[in-house]
Amino acid sequence: MSGELLEGLVFRDAHKKDDDFLVEPVDYRKYNFRFLLNAMIEHNIYHLGQVAYVNKML
């Protein structure tokens, strides 16, 4: 499953759920949804920083 597809599935329904789902384990992984969402947000921020850096160089 691609990262974009997974991200879409996780974020699409996250606002409909209680915070209780954050402690549920992610299927076939050794971490929970809180860790997954946090990592996805940090990853996107990292790439936004790269884009801003390259943009400034142009």
C-alpha atoms as a PDB file:
ATOM      1  CA  MET A   1       0.000   0.000   0.000  1.00  0.00           C
ATOM      2  CA  SER A   2       1.440   3.355  -0.969  1.00  0.00           C
ATOM      3  CA  GLY A   3       2.089   6.058   1.609  1.00  0.00           C
ATOM      4  CA  GLU A   4      -0.378   8.463   0.006  1.00  0.00           C
ATOM      5  CA  LEU A   5      -3.136   5.851   0.014  1.00  0.00           C
ATOM      6  CA  LEU A   6      -2.492   4.992   3.658  1.00  0.00           C
ATOM      7  CA  GLU A   7      -2.384   8.677   4.599  1.00  0.00           C
ATOM      8  CA  GLY A   8      -5.692   9.277   2.844  1.00  0.00           C
ATOM      9  CA  LEU A   9      -7.349   6.367   4.613  1.00  0.00           C
ATOM     10  CA  VAL A  10      -6.101   7.400   8.043  1.00  0.00           C
ATOM     11  CA  PHE A  11      -6.868  11.117   7.807  1.00  0.00           C
ATOM     12  CA  ARG A  12     -10.158  10.736   5.935  1.00  0.00           C
ATOM     13  CA  ASP A  13     -11.984   9.146   8.867  1.00  0.00           C
ATOM     14  CA  ALA A  14      -9.905  10.405  11.803  1.00  0.00           C
ATOM     15  CA  HIS A  15     -12.251  13.301  12.569  1.00  0.00           C
ATOM     16  CA  LYS A  16     -15.190  10.886  12.904  1.00  0.00           C
ATOM     17  CA  LYS A  17     -13.560   8.844  15.675  1.00  0.00           C
ATOM     18  CA  ASP A  18     -13.037   9.335  19.382  1.00  0.00           C
ATOM     19  CA  ASP A  19      -9.507   9.725  20.659  1.00  0.00           C
ATOM     20  CA  ASP A  20      -9.708   6.126  21.890  1.00  0.00           C
ATOM     21  CA  PHE A  21      -8.702   4.840  18.451  1.00  0.00           C
ATOM     22  CA  LEU A  22      -5.262   6.442  18.844  1.00  0.00           C
ATOM     23  CA  VAL A  23      -4.123   3.684  21.212  1.00  0.00           C
ATOM     24  CA  GLU A  24      -5.320   0.884  18.910  1.00  0.00           C
ATOM     25  CA  PRO A  25      -2.539  -0.985  17.137  1.00  0.00           C
ATOM     26  CA  VAL A  26      -2.124  -0.451  13.405  1.00  0.00           C
ATOM     27  CA  ASP A  27      -2.790  -3.644  11.432  1.00  0.00           C
ATOM     28  CA  TYR A  28       0.365  -5.680  10.797  1.00  0.00           C
ATOM     29  CA  ARG A  29       2.546  -3.138  12.678  1.00  0.00           C
ATOM     30  CA  LYS A  30       4.033  -2.877  16.156  1.00  0.00           C
ATOM     31  CA  TYR A  31       2.820   0.672  16.810  1.00  0.00           C
ATOM     32  CA  ASN A  32      -0.471   2.467  17.408  1.00  0.00           C
ATOM     33  CA  PHE A  33      -2.351   5.127  15.449  1.00  0.00           C
ATOM     34  CA  ARG A  34      -1.012   7.957  17.650  1.00  0.00           C
ATOM     35  CA  PHE A  35       2.542   7.073  16.610  1.00  0.00           C
ATOM     36  CA  LEU A  36       1.496   6.689  12.958  1.00  0.00           C
ATOM     37  CA  LEU A  37      -0.286  10.054  12.774  1.00  0.00           C
ATOM     38  CA  ASN A  38       2.563  11.808  14.546  1.00  0.00           C
ATOM     39  CA  ALA A  39       5.126  10.287  12.164  1.00  0.00           C
ATOM     40  CA  MET A  40       3.042  11.217   9.101  1.00  0.00           C
ATOM     41  CA  ILE A  41       2.728  14.835  10.259  1.00  0.00           C
ATOM     42  CA  GLU A  42       6.463  15.083  11.004  1.00  0.00           C
ATOM     43  CA  HIS A  43       7.284  13.540   7.623  1.00  0.00           C
ATOM     44  CA  ASN A  44       5.123  16.092   5.796  1.00  0.00           C
ATOM     45  CA  ILE A  45       6.688  18.973   7.751  1.00  0.00           C
ATOM     46  CA  TYR A  46      10.147  17.677   6.799  1.00  0.00           C
ATOM     47  CA  HIS A  47       9.238  17.688   3.114  1.00  0.00           C
ATOM     48  CA  LEU A  48       7.678  21.157   3.355  1.00  0.00           C
ATOM     49  CA  GLY A  49      10.997  22.369   4.757  1.00  0.00           C
ATOM     50  CA  GLN A  50      12.832  20.812   1.824  1.00  0.00           C
ATOM     51  CA  VAL A  51      10.492  22.512  -0.640  1.00  0.00           C
ATOM     52  CA  ALA A  52      10.934  25.873   1.089  1.00  0.00           C
ATOM     53  CA  TYR A  53      14.725  25.459   1.031  1.00  0.00           C
ATOM     54  CA  VAL A  54      14.833  24.599  -2.679  1.00  0.00           C
ATOM     55  CA  ASN A  55      12.394  27.402  -3.440  1.00  0.00           C
ATOM     56  CA  LYS A  56      14.639  29.888  -1.654  1.00  0.00           C
ATOM     57  CA  MET A  57      17.624  28.697  -3.688  1.00  0.00           C
ATOM     58  CA  LEU A  58      15.860  29.387  -7.003  1.00  0.00           C
END
